[in-house]
Protein backbone atom coordinates (compact mmCIF):
# COMPACT_ATOMS: atom_id res chain seq x y z
CA MET A 1 -2.24 14.37 -6.99
CA GLY A 2 -6.01 14.77 -7.04
CA GLY A 3 -5.90 18.23 -5.23
CA ARG A 4 -3.26 17.05 -2.76
CA LYS A 5 -0.85 19.66 -1.68
CA TYR A 6 1.41 17.85 0.73
CA PHE A 7 1.14 14.10 0.17
CA GLY A 8 2.21 11.79 -2.57
CA THR A 9 0.93 8.21 -3.15
CA ASP A 10 2.88 6.91 -0.06
CA GLY A 11 2.88 9.82 2.54
CA ILE A 12 5.74 12.24 2.54
CA ARG A 13 9.46 11.74 2.21
CA GLY A 14 12.54 13.86 1.76
CA ARG A 15 15.63 15.33 3.17
CA VAL A 16 15.50 15.99 6.98
CA GLY A 17 15.15 19.79 7.65
CA GLN A 18 13.99 20.70 4.17
CA GLY A 19 10.36 21.40 3.08
CA VAL A 20 7.77 19.29 4.88
CA ILE A 21 10.31 17.03 6.50
CA SER A 22 10.87 19.45 9.37
CA ALA A 23 9.90 19.34 13.07
CA ASP A 24 7.55 22.29 12.81
CA PHE A 25 5.65 20.82 9.91
CA VAL A 26 5.44 17.31 11.40
CA LEU A 27 4.17 18.89 14.65
CA ARG A 28 1.35 20.51 12.73
CA LEU A 29 0.78 17.25 10.84
CA GLY A 30 0.24 15.39 14.11
CA ASN A 31 -2.21 18.13 15.25
CA ALA A 32 -4.11 17.98 11.98
CA LEU A 33 -4.40 14.13 12.10
CA GLY A 34 -5.62 14.38 15.68
CA ARG A 35 -8.28 16.89 14.83
CA VAL A 36 -9.50 14.89 11.87
CA LEU A 37 -9.73 11.79 14.11
CA VAL A 38 -11.49 13.62 16.89
CA ALA A 39 -14.04 15.02 14.37
CA GLN A 40 -14.58 11.54 12.94
CA ARG A 41 -15.21 9.96 16.34
CA GLY A 42 -17.96 12.56 17.03
CA GLN A 43 -19.51 12.51 20.41
CA ASP A 44 -18.91 8.92 21.50
CA GLY A 45 -16.76 10.00 24.46
CA ARG A 46 -13.60 8.07 23.65
CA ARG A 47 -10.43 9.80 22.64
CA PRO A 48 -8.94 8.50 19.36
CA ILE A 49 -5.74 6.32 19.66
CA VAL A 50 -2.86 6.50 17.22
CA VAL A 51 0.11 4.01 17.27
CA ILE A 52 3.46 5.44 16.08
CA GLY A 53 6.41 3.26 14.88
CA LYS A 54 9.77 4.17 13.44
CA ASP A 55 12.89 2.91 11.98
CA THR A 56 16.28 3.54 13.48
CA ARG A 57 17.37 6.70 11.90
CA ILE A 58 18.37 9.46 14.31
CA SER A 59 15.74 12.00 13.17
CA GLY A 60 13.11 9.53 14.18
CA TYR A 61 13.35 10.75 17.80
CA MET A 62 12.62 14.25 16.67
CA PHE A 63 9.67 13.42 14.51
CA GLU A 64 8.20 10.92 17.00
CA ALA A 65 8.19 13.69 19.70
CA ALA A 66 6.64 16.16 17.24
CA LEU A 67 3.87 13.89 16.13
CA GLU A 68 3.16 12.94 19.72
CA ALA A 69 2.87 16.51 20.85
CA GLY A 70 0.61 17.52 17.95
CA LEU A 71 -1.68 14.57 18.42
CA VAL A 72 -1.99 14.96 22.17
CA ALA A 73 -2.68 18.65 21.79
CA ALA A 74 -5.55 17.82 19.45
CA GLY A 75 -7.05 15.41 22.00
CA ALA A 76 -5.81 12.09 20.72
CA ASP A 77 -4.01 9.37 22.73
CA VAL A 78 -0.68 7.95 21.54
CA GLN A 79 0.97 4.67 21.84
CA LEU A 80 4.54 4.64 21.02
CA LEU A 81 5.85 1.38 19.47
CA GLY A 82 9.55 2.35 19.09
CA PRO A 83 11.58 0.74 16.32
CA MET A 84 9.22 -1.31 14.45
CA PRO A 85 9.05 -2.63 10.81
CA THR A 86 6.51 -0.88 8.56
CA PRO A 87 4.44 -4.07 8.09
CA ALA A 88 4.43 -4.59 11.86
CA VAL A 89 2.93 -1.15 12.35
CA ALA A 90 0.19 -2.03 9.79
CA PHE A 91 -0.46 -5.25 11.56
CA LEU A 92 -0.60 -3.64 15.03
CA THR A 93 -2.81 -0.76 13.84
CA ARG A 94 -5.29 -3.39 12.57
CA THR A 95 -5.20 -5.69 15.64
CA LEU A 96 -4.96 -3.23 18.63
CA GLY A 97 -8.30 -1.53 17.83
CA VAL A 98 -6.73 1.88 17.27
CA ASP A 99 -7.89 4.63 14.93
CA ALA A 100 -4.71 5.14 12.90
CA GLY A 101 -1.09 4.19 12.59
CA ILE A 102 1.97 6.21 11.58
CA VAL A 103 5.30 5.08 10.41
CA ILE A 104 8.37 7.30 10.54
CA SER A 105 10.75 5.96 7.97
CA ALA A 106 12.37 6.58 4.67
CA SER A 107 12.69 2.83 3.81
CA HIS A 108 15.85 2.06 1.88
CA ASN A 109 17.02 5.66 1.72
CA PRO A 110 20.14 6.96 3.59
CA HIS A 111 19.79 8.16 7.23
CA TYR A 112 19.64 11.93 6.23
CA ASP A 113 16.20 11.28 4.56
CA ASN A 114 13.03 10.49 6.50
CA GLY A 115 9.23 10.28 5.80
CA ILE A 116 5.90 9.92 7.29
CA LYS A 117 3.35 7.23 6.23
CA PHE A 118 -0.19 6.55 7.60
CA PHE A 119 -2.40 3.56 8.09
CA SER A 120 -6.02 3.45 8.59
CA ALA A 121 -7.75 1.43 11.38
CA GLN A 122 -7.73 -1.50 8.94
CA GLY A 123 -3.96 -1.34 8.49
CA GLU A 124 -4.26 -0.09 4.95
CA LYS A 125 -3.60 3.22 3.25
CA LEU A 126 -5.76 6.11 4.32
CA ASP A 127 -8.88 6.52 2.12
CA ASP A 128 -9.26 9.48 -0.07
CA ALA A 129 -11.68 11.29 2.16
CA THR A 130 -9.47 11.17 5.24
CA GLU A 131 -6.52 12.22 3.16
CA LEU A 132 -8.33 15.21 1.85
CA ALA A 133 -9.50 16.07 5.36
CA LEU A 134 -6.02 15.90 6.65
CA GLU A 135 -4.82 18.26 3.77
CA ALA A 136 -7.50 20.71 4.66
CA ALA A 137 -6.73 20.50 8.40
CA LEU A 138 -3.00 21.32 7.74
CA ASP A 139 -4.15 24.69 6.33
CA VAL A 140 -5.84 25.54 9.65
CA PRO A 141 -3.86 26.96 12.57
CA PHE A 142 -2.55 24.64 15.27
CA THR A 143 -5.11 24.16 18.03
CA THR A 144 -4.87 22.87 21.58
CA ALA A 145 -7.80 21.17 23.19
CA GLU A 146 -9.17 22.15 26.62
CA SER A 147 -7.10 20.72 29.30
CA GLU A 148 -9.56 17.92 30.24
CA LYS A 149 -9.73 16.83 26.63
CA LEU A 150 -6.00 16.54 26.00
CA GLY A 151 -4.61 13.11 25.04
CA LYS A 152 -2.05 11.02 26.74
CA ALA A 153 1.02 9.14 25.55
CA ALA A 154 2.48 5.80 26.66
CA ARG A 155 4.88 3.17 25.42
CA ALA A 156 2.94 0.24 23.88
CA ARG A 157 3.50 -2.95 25.77
CA GLU A 158 4.00 -6.40 24.14
CA ALA A 159 4.14 -4.89 20.59
CA VAL A 160 7.19 -6.94 19.65
CA GLY A 161 5.68 -10.18 21.08
CA ARG A 162 2.44 -9.72 19.31
CA TYR A 163 4.20 -9.15 15.90
CA ILE A 164 6.46 -12.15 16.45
CA GLU A 165 3.40 -14.35 17.11
CA PHE A 166 1.74 -12.99 13.93
CA CYS A 167 4.83 -13.93 11.93
CA LYS A 168 4.89 -17.41 13.43
CA ALA A 169 1.24 -17.88 12.62
CA SER A 170 2.03 -17.30 8.96
CA VAL A 171 3.77 -20.67 8.79
CA PRO A 172 2.56 -24.18 9.66
CA ARG A 173 2.51 -25.00 13.39
CA ALA A 174 5.09 -27.82 13.02
CA PHE A 175 7.56 -25.66 10.95
CA ASP A 176 10.97 -25.07 12.49
CA LEU A 177 14.45 -24.14 11.31
CA ARG A 178 16.46 -26.55 13.45
CA GLY A 179 19.83 -27.41 11.71
CA VAL A 180 19.73 -24.31 9.48
CA ARG A 181 22.46 -21.77 9.65
CA LEU A 182 21.17 -18.37 8.55
CA VAL A 183 22.96 -15.05 8.00
CA LEU A 184 20.51 -12.20 8.75
CA ASP A 185 21.22 -8.68 7.44
CA CYS A 186 18.93 -6.13 9.22
CA ALA A 187 20.31 -3.08 7.46
CA HIS A 188 20.88 -1.48 10.92
CA GLY A 189 17.14 -0.81 10.59
CA ALA A 190 13.76 -1.61 12.04
CA THR A 191 14.11 -5.46 12.00
CA TYR A 192 17.26 -5.42 14.10
CA GLN A 193 15.51 -6.70 17.26
CA ILE A 194 12.64 -8.73 15.92
CA ALA A 195 14.22 -10.71 13.02
CA PRO A 196 17.10 -12.31 14.99
CA LEU A 197 14.78 -13.09 17.91
CA LEU A 198 12.11 -14.70 15.58
CA PHE A 199 14.50 -16.85 13.60
CA ARG A 200 16.26 -18.13 16.75
CA GLU A 201 12.92 -18.99 18.36
CA LEU A 202 12.21 -21.14 15.30
CA GLY A 203 15.44 -22.96 15.93
CA ALA A 204 17.82 -21.49 13.37
CA GLU A 205 21.47 -20.79 14.16
CA VAL A 206 21.40 -16.93 13.38
CA ILE A 207 24.64 -15.01 12.36
CA GLY A 208 23.60 -11.45 12.47
CA ILE A 209 25.00 -8.47 10.60
CA GLY A 210 23.51 -4.94 10.24
CA ALA A 211 21.98 -5.31 13.63
CA GLU A 212 23.81 -2.51 15.50
CA PRO A 213 22.02 0.74 14.59
CA ASN A 214 23.49 4.06 15.71
CA GLY A 215 21.00 6.45 14.10
CA VAL A 216 23.22 7.11 11.02
CA ASN A 217 24.25 3.72 9.75
CA ILE A 218 20.86 2.55 8.55
CA ASN A 219 21.17 1.08 4.97
CA ALA A 220 24.86 2.12 4.92
CA GLY A 221 26.68 -0.67 3.04
CA VAL A 222 24.25 -3.17 4.47
CA GLY A 223 20.69 -4.56 3.90
CA SER A 224 18.87 -5.42 0.71
CA THR A 225 20.34 -2.52 -1.20
CA HIS A 226 23.92 -3.84 -0.57
CA ILE A 227 23.46 -7.66 -1.08
CA ASP A 228 27.26 -8.24 -1.65
CA ASN A 229 27.87 -7.77 2.05
CA LEU A 230 25.33 -10.57 2.94
CA ALA A 231 26.75 -12.84 0.19
CA ALA A 232 30.31 -12.45 1.54
CA LYS A 233 29.12 -13.36 5.09
CA VAL A 234 27.36 -16.47 3.83
CA ARG A 235 30.56 -17.69 2.12
CA GLU A 236 32.70 -16.77 5.15
CA THR A 237 30.56 -18.60 7.59
CA ARG A 238 29.47 -21.54 5.25
CA ALA A 239 25.86 -20.65 6.06
CA ASP A 240 22.89 -22.51 4.33
CA LEU A 241 21.52 -19.18 3.07
CA GLY A 242 21.39 -15.47 3.96
CA ILE A 243 18.43 -13.03 4.29
CA ALA A 244 18.60 -9.25 3.91
CA PHE A 245 16.00 -6.84 4.78
CA ASP A 246 15.82 -2.99 3.98
CA GLY A 247 15.70 -0.33 6.58
CA ASP A 248 11.96 -0.54 7.32
CA GLY A 249 11.57 -4.17 6.80
CA ASP A 250 9.05 -4.38 3.90
CA ARG A 251 11.74 -5.78 1.40
CA VAL A 252 13.64 -9.08 1.42
CA LEU A 253 16.42 -10.47 -0.74
CA MET A 254 18.51 -13.60 -0.15
CA ALA A 255 21.82 -15.22 -0.92
CA ASP A 256 22.28 -18.95 -1.55
CA ASP A 257 24.83 -21.24 0.10
CA GLN A 258 27.46 -20.15 -2.39
CA GLY A 259 26.78 -16.50 -1.86
CA ASN A 260 24.90 -15.94 -5.11
CA PRO A 261 22.22 -13.15 -4.86
CA VAL A 262 18.69 -14.15 -5.06
CA ASP A 263 16.33 -11.24 -5.86
CA GLY A 264 12.61 -10.72 -5.75
CA ASP A 265 11.92 -12.33 -9.16
CA ASP A 266 13.78 -15.47 -7.97
CA LEU A 267 11.80 -15.58 -4.76
CA LEU A 268 8.48 -15.00 -6.64
CA TYR A 269 9.33 -18.04 -8.76
CA ILE A 270 10.02 -20.29 -5.84
CA LEU A 271 6.82 -19.20 -4.01
CA ALA A 272 4.53 -19.58 -7.14
CA ARG A 273 5.74 -23.00 -7.97
CA ALA A 274 5.39 -24.19 -4.36
CA TRP A 275 2.02 -22.72 -3.91
CA LYS A 276 0.75 -24.19 -7.18
CA ASP A 277 1.79 -27.60 -5.98
CA GLU A 278 0.07 -26.98 -2.61
CA GLY A 279 -3.16 -25.68 -4.23
CA ARG A 280 -2.54 -22.37 -2.38
CA LEU A 281 -2.12 -20.27 -5.52
CA ARG A 282 -5.09 -18.29 -6.65
CA GLY A 283 -5.48 -15.92 -9.59
CA PRO A 284 -2.55 -14.57 -11.53
CA VAL A 285 0.96 -14.05 -10.08
CA VAL A 286 1.79 -10.33 -10.61
CA GLY A 287 5.13 -9.02 -11.56
CA THR A 288 6.14 -5.62 -13.00
CA LEU A 289 7.39 -4.30 -16.37
CA MET A 290 10.76 -4.93 -15.10
CA SER A 291 10.33 -8.52 -14.15
CA ASN A 292 12.77 -10.63 -16.12
CA TYR A 293 11.47 -12.30 -19.31
CA GLY A 294 12.91 -15.54 -17.92
CA ILE A 295 10.27 -15.64 -15.13
CA GLU A 296 7.49 -15.07 -17.64
CA LYS A 297 8.72 -17.97 -19.72
CA ALA A 298 9.10 -20.23 -16.65
CA PHE A 299 5.60 -19.40 -15.42
CA ALA A 300 4.24 -20.27 -18.98
CA ASP A 301 5.98 -23.61 -18.90
CA LEU A 302 4.36 -24.29 -15.37
CA GLN A 303 0.99 -23.06 -16.67
CA ILE A 304 0.88 -20.40 -13.99
CA PRO A 305 -0.91 -17.20 -15.10
CA PHE A 306 1.33 -14.14 -14.98
CA VAL A 307 0.56 -10.51 -15.41
CA ARG A 308 2.70 -7.34 -15.19
CA SER A 309 1.85 -4.07 -13.44
CA ASN A 310 3.63 -0.75 -13.48
CA VAL A 311 6.71 -0.60 -11.29
CA GLY A 312 5.99 -0.04 -7.62
CA ASP A 313 4.48 -2.32 -4.92
CA ARG A 314 1.26 -0.34 -4.78
CA TYR A 315 0.57 -1.20 -8.46
CA VAL A 316 1.35 -4.82 -7.83
CA HIS A 317 -1.13 -4.75 -4.96
CA GLN A 318 -3.72 -3.09 -7.18
CA ALA A 319 -3.28 -5.67 -9.90
CA LEU A 320 -3.61 -8.51 -7.31
CA ILE A 321 -6.84 -7.16 -5.91
CA GLU A 322 -8.27 -6.65 -9.44
CA GLY A 323 -7.25 -10.15 -10.52
CA GLY A 324 -8.15 -11.99 -7.39
CA GLY A 325 -4.42 -12.98 -6.92
CA VAL A 326 -2.54 -13.60 -3.67
CA LEU A 327 1.11 -13.51 -4.78
CA GLY A 328 3.09 -10.78 -6.43
CA GLY A 329 6.26 -8.80 -6.26
CA GLU A 330 9.25 -7.07 -7.89
CA ALA A 331 12.91 -7.66 -8.20
CA SER A 332 13.76 -5.18 -5.51
CA GLY A 333 12.29 -7.56 -2.86
CA HIS A 334 8.85 -6.15 -2.26
CA LEU A 335 6.86 -9.36 -2.13
CA LEU A 336 3.01 -9.42 -1.48
CA CYS A 337 1.60 -12.65 0.18
CA LEU A 338 -1.95 -11.37 0.48
CA ASP A 339 -3.26 -14.57 2.16
CA ARG A 340 -0.83 -14.00 5.04
CA ALA A 341 -0.40 -10.13 5.18
CA THR A 342 -2.17 -7.06 3.91
CA THR A 343 1.06 -5.33 2.89
CA GLY A 344 4.54 -6.20 1.80
CA ASP A 345 6.29 -7.82 4.83
CA GLY A 346 9.91 -8.84 4.49
CA ILE A 347 9.98 -11.25 7.40
CA VAL A 348 6.64 -12.99 6.45
CA SER A 349 7.84 -13.28 2.89
CA ALA A 350 11.12 -14.89 4.00
CA LEU A 351 9.34 -17.35 6.14
CA GLN A 352 7.10 -18.40 3.17
CA VAL A 353 10.28 -19.05 1.10
CA LEU A 354 11.80 -21.13 3.91
CA VAL A 355 8.56 -23.24 4.32
CA ALA A 356 8.68 -23.86 0.49
CA LEU A 357 12.30 -24.98 0.70
CA ARG A 358 11.68 -27.15 3.68
CA ASN A 359 8.52 -28.84 2.00
CA SER A 360 10.56 -29.45 -1.25
CA GLY A 361 13.65 -30.64 0.54
CA GLN A 362 15.69 -28.38 -1.72
CA THR A 363 18.31 -25.73 -1.05
CA LEU A 364 17.75 -22.26 -2.28
CA ARG A 365 20.17 -22.89 -5.16
CA GLN A 366 18.49 -26.16 -6.08
CA ALA A 367 15.02 -24.52 -6.06
CA LEU A 368 16.03 -22.01 -8.74
CA LYS A 369 17.34 -24.49 -11.31
CA GLY A 370 14.07 -24.28 -13.40
CA LEU A 371 14.39 -20.55 -13.77
CA VAL A 372 16.71 -19.29 -16.58
CA ARG A 373 17.13 -15.49 -16.54
CA VAL A 374 17.78 -13.65 -19.75
CA PRO A 375 20.22 -10.72 -20.13
CA GLN A 376 18.45 -7.48 -19.49
CA LYS A 377 19.78 -3.95 -19.68
CA THR A 378 18.22 -0.44 -19.39
CA VAL A 379 19.70 2.82 -20.81
CA ASN A 380 18.45 6.24 -19.60
CA VAL A 381 18.27 8.62 -22.51
CA ARG A 382 18.34 12.36 -21.40
CA LEU A 383 16.09 14.65 -23.23
CA GLY A 384 16.56 18.14 -24.67
CA ASN A 385 13.53 20.35 -24.98
CA VAL A 386 11.27 17.64 -26.04
CA SER A 387 9.06 16.00 -23.30
CA ALA A 388 9.44 12.34 -22.45
CA LYS A 389 5.90 11.60 -23.55
CA ALA A 390 6.32 13.38 -26.92
CA THR A 391 9.60 11.61 -27.51
CA VAL A 392 8.06 8.20 -26.97
CA GLN A 393 5.15 9.03 -29.25
CA ALA A 394 7.34 10.25 -32.12
CA ASP A 395 6.69 8.32 -35.24
CA SER A 396 10.42 7.51 -35.64
CA VAL A 397 10.61 6.12 -32.09
CA GLN A 398 7.42 4.07 -32.52
CA ALA A 399 8.79 2.55 -35.73
CA ALA A 400 12.19 1.77 -34.00
CA LEU A 401 10.31 0.24 -31.12
CA ALA A 402 8.23 -1.97 -33.50
CA VAL A 403 11.51 -3.17 -35.16
CA ALA A 404 13.07 -3.86 -31.80
CA GLN A 405 10.06 -5.89 -30.57
CA GLN A 406 10.03 -7.90 -33.67
CA SER A 407 13.73 -8.66 -33.38
CA VAL A 408 13.33 -10.10 -29.87
CA ALA A 409 9.86 -11.72 -30.45
CA GLY A 410 9.57 -14.98 -28.49
CA ARG A 411 13.06 -14.49 -27.06
CA GLY A 412 12.56 -11.31 -24.90
CA ARG A 413 11.11 -7.86 -24.82
CA ALA A 414 11.79 -4.29 -25.73
CA PHE A 415 9.94 -1.34 -24.18
CA LEU A 416 10.17 2.33 -23.24
CA ARG A 417 9.29 4.06 -20.08
CA PRO A 418 9.09 7.88 -19.95
CA SER A 419 10.19 9.05 -16.49
CA GLY A 420 7.57 10.89 -14.39
CA THR A 421 10.16 12.79 -12.30
CA GLU A 422 13.01 13.64 -14.59
CA PRO A 423 13.69 14.49 -18.29
CA VAL A 424 14.51 10.88 -19.13
CA VAL A 425 13.20 8.00 -21.33
CA ARG A 426 14.23 4.62 -20.01
CA VAL A 427 15.01 2.19 -22.83
CA THR A 428 14.87 -1.59 -21.72
CA VAL A 429 15.70 -4.59 -23.85
CA GLU A 430 16.12 -8.21 -22.77
CA ALA A 431 16.76 -11.30 -24.87
CA ASP A 432 18.01 -14.83 -24.48
CA ASP A 433 21.16 -13.87 -26.46
CA ALA A 434 23.38 -11.18 -24.98
CA ALA A 435 24.61 -9.93 -28.45
CA LEU A 436 21.01 -9.74 -29.77
CA MET A 437 19.99 -7.71 -26.63
CA GLN A 438 22.88 -5.24 -26.95
CA ASP A 439 22.39 -4.66 -30.66
CA THR A 440 18.76 -4.12 -30.23
CA LEU A 441 19.25 -1.84 -27.27
CA ASP A 442 21.84 0.19 -29.21
CA ARG A 443 19.59 0.76 -32.21
CA LEU A 444 16.52 1.53 -30.04
CA SER A 445 18.28 4.00 -27.79
CA ALA A 446 19.83 5.70 -30.82
CA ALA A 447 16.40 6.27 -32.26
CA VAL A 448 15.17 7.76 -28.92
CA ARG A 449 18.25 9.91 -28.60
CA GLU A 450 17.79 11.31 -32.15
CA ALA A 451 14.08 12.15 -31.52
CA ALA A 452 15.04 13.84 -28.14
CA ALA A 453 17.64 16.11 -29.51
C-alpha cells in the first residue's frame, strides 16, 4: 500500500456503515481533501472547486451531503453532478476546469456497498503526492475555515448535455442508428438517464430495462453482471442487439440478435479487427491473463500484436501506456479506447462497436464468426496452513504445472494465480478440446491440493 492507511488502488469501498464507509469518516474525508486542495492552491485567491457525481444507490445521498459539508467547511466550492457515470465524472473533471472530482459508487456491487473514488484535475487517478497528503490530512482534526473563506455548493448545470456531446464526438459526425432496435439495460444505475437519451438522439429505437432506480435495486438482477435478463429481452422484442452497463457505467456487455451473450473478449476482437482495417490501431492490443486463448489465436491469425496484463482494468491501462497501445480490455466488459477516452467508458465503448458494425455491414453475430473460443475453466483450491505463494512455488506444483502446460501447448494454456485476498490458489486451464482441458485441470488442481494440505 506504500504507507497508505485508508486507500487501496481505487479509492475506498465496502459495506455502508462499516469501517471507513460511514458518514462521519466521509465527512472527515471531504474536509481533508478540501484542506489539501486549499494548500495546493496557495495564495492565488481562488477557492478550489470539486465536482461530485454518484450512482443511484440510496446511501449516495448521505455520502454526497457528508463530502459537500466537509469540503465547504475547508474552504472549497462544490458542484453537484447528481447521478452520473464514473467516466462522465472523469470527463467533466477534466473539461470544467475544476481541481478534483469525486465519484460515490461501488460499481457492480449490491446496493448495501458503496465507495469513494477520486480524480485529479486531468480526470485521472490522484498522483501519489496528493494521495499521501490526503492520508496525512485525515489524521488531523476536522477544521472549519473562517466564515468569509467557507466554500459554496451548487448543482452543476448542463453536465448531462456536455457528456452526451462528448460521447457523440467519439463517433464520426455522419454516424447514426436509424433503423436499429436496441435493448438498453442500465442496471438501475448511473447511466439510466444518459444512455437512453443518447441512443435515441442517434436515431435508434430504444427498449429500456433497468432504468427505474429506487436506491436499492442497482445491479439487482439487471446490468452487465446479469446478462441473461438482457438476452431474454432481445429475443422477446426481436431487437437487433442488446447493450448492458454496470451500476456506474464503466463496463459494457452485449447480446446479439438471438440473445447470445457477447463479453469483453468478443467486443475486443470486433474493435481490434475493425481498427486494424481502418489504420486506427496502434501498439499491441492488451487483454488479461483470463482472456480466452481463442482471442490470442485469432489475433495471431490477423497479425495483430497481443499482450496480457494482470487482471484488472488499471493493469490493462498501465500495459497500454507502456506499449503505446490504444485498445485493451477484459472479459468483464471493462474496455479501454484510449484514443477516445482516458478511462474505461461503457457508453463510448458501445458506440465504437456500433460504428464498427455499421462500417462492416455486419450484425453482431456475423462480426464474431472469425473468433473461436476454447473451453476454459478455473478451480479455486483452498489452502491449509501453507501460503498461496509457497504452494505455487512448491517443486511438486511447478513440475505438475510444466506437465500441464506441455499437454496443452499450441492448443491452450494452463496457469496458476495465488489470491492476494484469501487463502486460495486459482487453477485455470483452457484447451481446444473439452476433455483435454478437464483432464489437465483435474491433474493440476490435484497437485496443488496435495501441496496445500
